[in-house]
Amino acid sequence: MSDGQSAYERLQKAAAEATEGAKLLALRTLRDVHWECAALEEEWSGRDEPGAEEVRAALARIRAKLAPAVTMPWSDR
């Protein structure tokens, strides 16, 4: 299965593709967690039981921390 590349070159290419795939997976995971927190925050918006305000505040803090990765995924901040 020789395509003109050495085994080392093929390995480098495979590693680069895996790295790029891992970055995309991490980004998608962060985005999904961000939006799940948004959904939970909305779900908790109508609750007035003890601790509800703390739950909403915690979800808002999580979303705020994840927001840069969701809105500007490739910047170095």
PDB file of N, CA and C in Angstrom:
ATOM      1  N   MET A   1       0.831  -1.178   0.000  1.00  0.00           N
ATOM      2  CA  MET A   1       0.000   0.000   0.000  1.00  0.00           C
ATOM      3  C   MET A   1       0.876   1.242   0.000  1.00  0.00           C
ATOM      4  N   SER A   2       1.682   1.360  -0.982  1.00  0.00           N
ATOM      5  CA  SER A   2       2.579   2.496  -1.079  1.00  0.00           C
ATOM      6  C   SER A   2       1.954   3.583  -1.948  1.00  0.00           C
ATOM      7  N   ASP A   3       1.841   4.754  -1.393  1.00  0.00           N
ATOM      8  CA  ASP A   3       1.301   5.887  -2.148  1.00  0.00           C
ATOM      9  C   ASP A   3       2.372   6.952  -2.362  1.00  0.00           C
ATOM     10  N   GLY A   4       3.592   6.547  -2.273  1.00  0.00           N
ATOM     11  CA  GLY A   4       4.698   7.469  -2.462  1.00  0.00           C
ATOM     12  C   GLY A   4       5.162   8.116  -1.173  1.00  0.00           C
ATOM     13  N   GLN A   5       4.444   7.912  -0.103  1.00  0.00           N
ATOM     14  CA  GLN A   5       4.816   8.471   1.190  1.00  0.00           C
ATOM     15  C   GLN A   5       5.478   7.401   2.042  1.00  0.00           C
ATOM     16  N   SER A   6       6.408   7.856   2.862  1.00  0.00           N
ATOM     17  CA  SER A   6       7.026   6.914   3.788  1.00  0.00           C
ATOM     18  C   SER A   6       6.053   6.626   4.926  1.00  0.00           C
ATOM     19  N   ALA A   7       6.338   5.576   5.666  1.00  0.00           N
ATOM     20  CA  ALA A   7       5.504   5.225   6.814  1.00  0.00           C
ATOM     21  C   ALA A   7       5.471   6.379   7.816  1.00  0.00           C
ATOM     22  N   TYR A   8       6.606   7.038   7.979  1.00  0.00           N
ATOM     23  CA  TYR A   8       6.678   8.166   8.903  1.00  0.00           C
ATOM     24  C   TYR A   8       5.772   9.309   8.443  1.00  0.00           C
ATOM     25  N   GLU A   9       5.775   9.588   7.146  1.00  0.00           N
ATOM     26  CA  GLU A   9       4.916  10.652   6.613  1.00  0.00           C
ATOM     27  C   GLU A   9       3.436  10.303   6.777  1.00  0.00           C
ATOM     28  N   ARG A  10       3.101   9.045   6.547  1.00  0.00           N
ATOM     29  CA  ARG A  10       1.715   8.609   6.744  1.00  0.00           C
ATOM     30  C   ARG A  10       1.314   8.726   8.213  1.00  0.00           C
ATOM     31  N   LEU A  11       2.234   8.375   9.097  1.00  0.00           N
ATOM     32  CA  LEU A  11       1.975   8.483  10.527  1.00  0.00           C
ATOM     33  C   LEU A  11       1.773   9.948  10.933  1.00  0.00           C
ATOM     34  N   GLN A  12       2.602  10.821  10.419  1.00  0.00           N
ATOM     35  CA  GLN A  12       2.456  12.252  10.704  1.00  0.00           C
ATOM     36  C   GLN A  12       1.093  12.757  10.224  1.00  0.00           C
ATOM     37  N   LYS A  13       0.696  12.348   9.034  1.00  0.00           N
ATOM     38  CA  LYS A  13      -0.587  12.770   8.483  1.00  0.00           C
ATOM     39  C   LYS A  13      -1.731  12.256   9.351  1.00  0.00           C
ATOM     40  N   ALA A  14      -1.665  10.998   9.754  1.00  0.00           N
ATOM     41  CA  ALA A  14      -2.711  10.415  10.596  1.00  0.00           C
ATOM     42  C   ALA A  14      -2.783  11.137  11.946  1.00  0.00           C
ATOM     43  N   ALA A  15      -1.634  11.471  12.507  1.00  0.00           N
ATOM     44  CA  ALA A  15      -1.604  12.179  13.785  1.00  0.00           C
ATOM     45  C   ALA A  15      -2.209  13.569  13.648  1.00  0.00           C
ATOM     46  N   ALA A  16      -1.913  14.257  12.569  1.00  0.00           N
ATOM     47  CA  ALA A  16      -2.469  15.591  12.344  1.00  0.00           C
ATOM     48  C   ALA A  16      -3.988  15.522  12.190  1.00  0.00           C
ATOM     49  N   GLU A  17      -4.470  14.535  11.468  1.00  0.00           N
ATOM     50  CA  GLU A  17      -5.914  14.373  11.290  1.00  0.00           C
ATOM     51  C   GLU A  17      -6.590  14.039  12.621  1.00  0.00           C
ATOM     52  N   ALA A  18      -5.963  13.208  13.427  1.00  0.00           N
ATOM     53  CA  ALA A  18      -6.523  12.849  14.732  1.00  0.00           C
ATOM     54  C   ALA A  18      -6.566  14.061  15.655  1.00  0.00           C
ATOM     55  N   THR A  19      -5.516  14.854  15.610  1.00  0.00           N
ATOM     56  CA  THR A  19      -5.468  16.060  16.440  1.00  0.00           C
ATOM     57  C   THR A  19      -6.573  17.019  16.050  1.00  0.00           C
ATOM     58  N   GLU A  20      -6.755  17.235  14.765  1.00  0.00           N
ATOM     59  CA  GLU A  20      -7.807  18.130  14.291  1.00  0.00           C
ATOM     60  C   GLU A  20      -9.181  17.586  14.682  1.00  0.00           C
ATOM     61  N   GLY A  21      -9.361  16.281  14.564  1.00  0.00           N
ATOM     62  CA  GLY A  21     -10.629  15.665  14.958  1.00  0.00           C
ATOM     63  C   GLY A  21     -10.896  15.819  16.444  1.00  0.00           C
ATOM     64  N   ALA A  22      -9.849  15.713  17.250  1.00  0.00           N
ATOM     65  CA  ALA A  22     -10.004  15.864  18.703  1.00  0.00           C
ATOM     66  C   ALA A  22     -10.409  17.291  19.052  1.00  0.00           C
ATOM     67  N   LYS A  23      -9.833  18.264  18.361  1.00  0.00           N
ATOM     68  CA  LYS A  23     -10.191  19.665  18.605  1.00  0.00           C
ATOM     69  C   LYS A  23     -11.657  19.892  18.284  1.00  0.00           C
ATOM     70  N   LEU A  24     -12.106  19.356  17.174  1.00  0.00           N
ATOM     71  CA  LEU A  24     -13.496  19.521  16.768  1.00  0.00           C
ATOM     72  C   LEU A  24     -14.436  18.835  17.752  1.00  0.00           C
ATOM     73  N   LEU A  25     -14.087  17.656  18.207  1.00  0.00           N
ATOM     74  CA  LEU A  25     -14.900  16.947  19.189  1.00  0.00           C
ATOM     75  C   LEU A  25     -14.989  17.746  20.488  1.00  0.00           C
ATOM     76  N   ALA A  26     -13.865  18.286  20.939  1.00  0.00           N
ATOM     77  CA  ALA A  26     -13.862  19.086  22.168  1.00  0.00           C
ATOM     78  C   ALA A  26     -14.731  20.325  22.001  1.00  0.00           C
ATOM     79  N   LEU A  27     -14.624  20.974  20.869  1.00  0.00           N
ATOM     80  CA  LEU A  27     -15.431  22.160  20.608  1.00  0.00           C
ATOM     81  C   LEU A  27     -16.919  21.820  20.601  1.00  0.00           C
ATOM     82  N   ARG A  28     -17.277  20.739  19.945  1.00  0.00           N
ATOM     83  CA  ARG A  28     -18.684  20.329  19.909  1.00  0.00           C
ATOM     84  C   ARG A  28     -19.192  19.986  21.302  1.00  0.00           C
ATOM     85  N   THR A  29     -18.355  19.345  22.105  1.00  0.00           N
ATOM     86  CA  THR A  29     -18.753  18.990  23.467  1.00  0.00           C
ATOM     87  C   THR A  29     -18.980  20.240  24.304  1.00  0.00           C
ATOM     88  N   LEU A  30     -18.077  21.205  24.215  1.00  0.00           N
ATOM     89  CA  LEU A  30     -18.239  22.457  24.954  1.00  0.00           C
ATOM     90  C   LEU A  30     -19.509  23.182  24.522  1.00  0.00           C
ATOM     91  N   ARG A  31     -19.749  23.212  23.218  1.00  0.00           N
ATOM     92  CA  ARG A  31     -20.948  23.871  22.691  1.00  0.00           C
ATOM     93  C   ARG A  31     -22.206  23.175  23.227  1.00  0.00           C
ATOM     94  N   ASP A  32     -22.202  21.848  23.215  1.00  0.00           N
ATOM     95  CA  ASP A  32     -23.360  21.101  23.697  1.00  0.00           C
ATOM     96  C   ASP A  32     -23.618  21.350  25.183  1.00  0.00           C
ATOM     97  N   VAL A  33     -22.551  21.372  25.981  1.00  0.00           N
ATOM     98  CA  VAL A  33     -22.703  21.637  27.410  1.00  0.00           C
ATOM     99  C   VAL A  33     -23.241  23.051  27.621  1.00  0.00           C
ATOM    100  N   HIS A  34     -22.727  24.006  26.862  1.00  0.00           N
ATOM    101  CA  HIS A  34     -23.186  25.396  26.951  1.00  0.00           C
ATOM    102  C   HIS A  34     -24.689  25.482  26.713  1.00  0.00           C
ATOM    103  N   TRP A  35     -25.165  24.850  25.648  1.00  0.00           N
ATOM    104  CA  TRP A  35     -26.589  24.945  25.315  1.00  0.00           C
ATOM    105  C   TRP A  35     -27.455  24.120  26.255  1.00  0.00           C
ATOM    106  N   GLU A  36     -26.947  23.035  26.798  1.00  0.00           N
ATOM    107  CA  GLU A  36     -27.694  22.291  27.811  1.00  0.00           C
ATOM    108  C   GLU A  36     -27.852  23.138  29.080  1.00  0.00           C
ATOM    109  N   CYS A  37     -26.809  23.876  29.432  1.00  0.00           N
ATOM    110  CA  CYS A  37     -26.905  24.777  30.584  1.00  0.00           C
ATOM    111  C   CYS A  37     -27.943  25.859  30.315  1.00  0.00           C
ATOM    112  N   ALA A  38     -27.980  26.376  29.102  1.00  0.00           N
ATOM    113  CA  ALA A  38     -28.981  27.386  28.746  1.00  0.00           C
ATOM    114  C   ALA A  38     -30.385  26.807  28.888  1.00  0.00           C
ATOM    115  N   ALA A  39     -30.583  25.581  28.426  1.00  0.00           N
ATOM    116  CA  ALA A  39     -31.896  24.939  28.534  1.00  0.00           C
ATOM    117  C   ALA A  39     -32.273  24.709  29.995  1.00  0.00           C
ATOM    118  N   LEU A  40     -31.321  24.256  30.794  1.00  0.00           N
ATOM    119  CA  LEU A  40     -31.591  24.041  32.215  1.00  0.00           C
ATOM    120  C   LEU A  40     -31.881  25.361  32.926  1.00  0.00           C
ATOM    121  N   GLU A  41     -31.134  26.392  32.554  1.00  0.00           N
ATOM    122  CA  GLU A  41     -31.354  27.702  33.161  1.00  0.00           C
ATOM    123  C   GLU A  41     -32.781  28.179  32.866  1.00  0.00           C
ATOM    124  N   GLU A  42     -33.237  27.985  31.632  1.00  0.00           N
ATOM    125  CA  GLU A  42     -34.602  28.368  31.273  1.00  0.00           C
ATOM    126  C   GLU A  42     -35.620  27.502  32.022  1.00  0.00           C
ATOM    127  N   GLU A  43     -35.329  26.216  32.130  1.00  0.00           N
ATOM    128  CA  GLU A  43     -36.218  25.307  32.853  1.00  0.00           C
ATOM    129  C   GLU A  43     -36.374  25.730  34.314  1.00  0.00           C
ATOM    130  N   TRP A  44     -35.274  26.182  34.898  1.00  0.00           N
ATOM    131  CA  TRP A  44     -35.292  26.603  36.295  1.00  0.00           C
ATOM    132  C   TRP A  44     -35.804  28.026  36.469  1.00  0.00           C
ATOM    133  N   SER A  45     -36.012  28.751  35.392  1.00  0.00           N
ATOM    134  CA  SER A  45     -36.423  30.153  35.512  1.00  0.00           C
ATOM    135  C   SER A  45     -37.779  30.315  36.184  1.00  0.00           C
ATOM    136  N   GLY A  46     -38.668  29.353  36.035  1.00  0.00           N
ATOM    137  CA  GLY A  46     -39.983  29.449  36.634  1.00  0.00           C
ATOM    138  C   GLY A  46     -40.090  28.854  38.025  1.00  0.00           C
ATOM    139  N   ARG A  47     -39.036  28.298  38.515  1.00  0.00           N
ATOM    140  CA  ARG A  47     -39.086  27.657  39.837  1.00  0.00           C
ATOM    141  C   ARG A  47     -38.767  28.673  40.930  1.00  0.00           C
ATOM    142  N   ASP A  48     -39.493  28.547  42.014  1.00  0.00           N
ATOM    143  CA  ASP A  48     -39.217  29.429  43.156  1.00  0.00           C
ATOM    144  C   ASP A  48     -38.957  28.629  44.429  1.00  0.00           C
ATOM    145  N   GLU A  49     -38.529  27.395  44.244  1.00  0.00           N
ATOM    146  CA  GLU A  49     -38.229  26.543  45.391  1.00  0.00           C
ATOM    147  C   GLU A  49     -36.870  26.924  45.988  1.00  0.00           C
ATOM    148  N   PRO A  50     -36.616  26.494  47.214  1.00  0.00           N
ATOM    149  CA  PRO A  50     -35.332  26.808  47.843  1.00  0.00           C
ATOM    150  C   PRO A  50     -34.155  26.324  46.976  1.00  0.00           C
ATOM    151  N   GLY A  51     -33.193  27.170  46.787  1.00  0.00           N
ATOM    152  CA  GLY A  51     -32.001  26.829  46.025  1.00  0.00           C
ATOM    153  C   GLY A  51     -32.102  27.102  44.535  1.00  0.00           C
ATOM    154  N   ALA A  52     -33.271  27.460  44.051  1.00  0.00           N
ATOM    155  CA  ALA A  52     -33.451  27.679  42.607  1.00  0.00           C
ATOM    156  C   ALA A  52     -32.575  28.827  42.106  1.00  0.00           C
ATOM    157  N   GLU A  53     -32.488  29.875  42.881  1.00  0.00           N
ATOM    158  CA  GLU A  53     -31.673  31.029  42.462  1.00  0.00           C
ATOM    159  C   GLU A  53     -30.200  30.638  42.366  1.00  0.00           C
ATOM    160  N   GLU A  54     -29.744  29.809  43.302  1.00  0.00           N
ATOM    161  CA  GLU A  54     -28.353  29.356  43.263  1.00  0.00           C
ATOM    162  C   GLU A  54     -28.092  28.471  42.045  1.00  0.00           C
ATOM    163  N   VAL A  55     -29.064  27.634  41.715  1.00  0.00           N
ATOM    164  CA  VAL A  55     -28.927  26.777  40.534  1.00  0.00           C
ATOM    165  C   VAL A  55     -28.822  27.637  39.276  1.00  0.00           C
ATOM    166  N   ARG A  56     -29.729  28.611  39.148  1.00  0.00           N
ATOM    167  CA  ARG A  56     -29.691  29.500  37.976  1.00  0.00           C
ATOM    168  C   ARG A  56     -28.374  30.261  37.904  1.00  0.00           C
ATOM    169  N   ALA A  57     -27.903  30.725  39.037  1.00  0.00           N
ATOM    170  CA  ALA A  57     -26.638  31.472  39.065  1.00  0.00           C
ATOM    171  C   ALA A  57     -25.466  30.573  38.666  1.00  0.00           C
ATOM    172  N   ALA A  58     -25.455  29.338  39.151  1.00  0.00           N
ATOM    173  CA  ALA A  58     -24.377  28.406  38.800  1.00  0.00           C
ATOM    174  C   ALA A  58     -24.393  28.100  37.305  1.00  0.00           C
ATOM    175  N   LEU A  59     -25.579  27.868  36.756  1.00  0.00           N
ATOM    176  CA  LEU A  59     -25.686  27.593  35.318  1.00  0.00           C
ATOM    177  C   LEU A  59     -25.232  28.799  34.503  1.00  0.00           C
ATOM    178  N   ALA A  60     -25.589  29.986  34.945  1.00  0.00           N
ATOM    179  CA  ALA A  60     -25.166  31.205  34.239  1.00  0.00           C
ATOM    180  C   ALA A  60     -23.642  31.348  34.279  1.00  0.00           C
ATOM    181  N   ARG A  61     -23.029  31.019  35.421  1.00  0.00           N
ATOM    182  CA  ARG A  61     -21.561  31.096  35.521  1.00  0.00           C
ATOM    183  C   ARG A  61     -20.894  30.091  34.582  1.00  0.00           C
ATOM    184  N   ILE A  62     -21.439  28.887  34.520  1.00  0.00           N
ATOM    185  CA  ILE A  62     -20.879  27.869  33.619  1.00  0.00           C
ATOM    186  C   ILE A  62     -20.976  28.346  32.178  1.00  0.00           C
ATOM    187  N   ARG A  63     -22.146  28.844  31.797  1.00  0.00           N
ATOM    188  CA  ARG A  63     -22.329  29.335  30.424  1.00  0.00           C
ATOM    189  C   ARG A  63     -21.379  30.489  30.124  1.00  0.00           C
ATOM    190  N   ALA A  64     -21.171  31.381  31.089  1.00  0.00           N
ATOM    191  CA  ALA A  64     -20.266  32.515  30.873  1.00  0.00           C
ATOM    192  C   ALA A  64     -18.837  32.037  30.639  1.00  0.00           C
ATOM    193  N   LYS A  65     -18.426  31.012  31.355  1.00  0.00           N
ATOM    194  CA  LYS A  65     -17.072  30.469  31.166  1.00  0.00           C
ATOM    195  C   LYS A  65     -16.925  29.776  29.810  1.00  0.00           C
ATOM    196  N   LEU A  66     -17.986  29.122  29.357  1.00  0.00           N
ATOM    197  CA  LEU A  66     -17.934  28.395  28.087  1.00  0.00           C
ATOM    198  C   LEU A  66     -18.190  29.293  26.877  1.00  0.00           C
ATOM    199  N   ALA A  67     -18.786  30.454  27.086  1.00  0.00           N
ATOM    200  CA  ALA A  67     -19.178  31.325  25.975  1.00  0.00           C
ATOM    201  C   ALA A  67     -18.041  31.644  25.002  1.00  0.00           C
ATOM    202  N   PRO A  68     -16.832  31.979  25.465  1.00  0.00           N
ATOM    203  CA  PRO A  68     -15.766  32.273  24.492  1.00  0.00           C
ATOM    204  C   PRO A  68     -15.465  31.093  23.557  1.00  0.00           C
ATOM    205  N   ALA A  69     -15.537  29.891  24.074  1.00  0.00           N
ATOM    206  CA  ALA A  69     -15.282  28.716  23.244  1.00  0.00           C
ATOM    207  C   ALA A  69     -16.405  28.486  22.250  1.00  0.00           C
ATOM    208  N   VAL A  70     -17.603  28.931  22.599  1.00  0.00           N
ATOM    209  CA  VAL A  70     -18.764  28.746  21.725  1.00  0.00           C
ATOM    210  C   VAL A  70     -18.838  29.853  20.682  1.00  0.00           C
ATOM    211  N   THR A  71     -18.565  31.085  21.096  1.00  0.00           N
ATOM    212  CA  THR A  71     -18.710  32.217  20.176  1.00  0.00           C
ATOM    213  C   THR A  71     -17.452  32.518  19.363  1.00  0.00           C
ATOM    214  N   MET A  72     -16.282  32.215  19.910  1.00  0.00           N
ATOM    215  CA  MET A  72     -15.013  32.468  19.220  1.00  0.00           C
ATOM    216  C   MET A  72     -14.110  31.247  19.362  1.00  0.00           C
ATOM    217  N   PRO A  73     -14.488  30.117  18.772  1.00  0.00           N
ATOM    218  CA  PRO A  73     -13.787  28.859  19.063  1.00  0.00           C
ATOM    219  C   PRO A  73     -12.319  28.805  18.671  1.00  0.00           C
ATOM    220  N   TRP A  74     -11.879  29.565  17.706  1.00  0.00           N
ATOM    221  CA  TRP A  74     -10.502  29.436  17.242  1.00  0.00           C
ATOM    222  C   TRP A  74      -9.608  30.587  17.671  1.00  0.00           C
ATOM    223  N   SER A  75     -10.116  31.500  18.508  1.00  0.00           N
ATOM    224  CA  SER A  75      -9.279  32.612  18.954  1.00  0.00           C
ATOM    225  C   SER A  75      -8.482  32.171  20.169  1.00  0.00           C
ATOM    226  N   ASP A  76      -7.418  32.865  20.431  1.00  0.00           N
ATOM    227  CA  ASP A  76      -6.605  32.580  21.624  1.00  0.00           C
ATOM    228  C   ASP A  76      -7.036  33.432  22.804  1.00  0.00           C
ATOM    229  N   ARG A  77      -8.086  34.149  22.631  1.00  0.00           N
ATOM    230  CA  ARG A  77      -8.644  35.072  23.618  1.00  0.00           C
ATOM    231  C   ARG A  77      -7.643  36.100  23.903  1.00  0.00           C
TER     232      ARG A  77
END
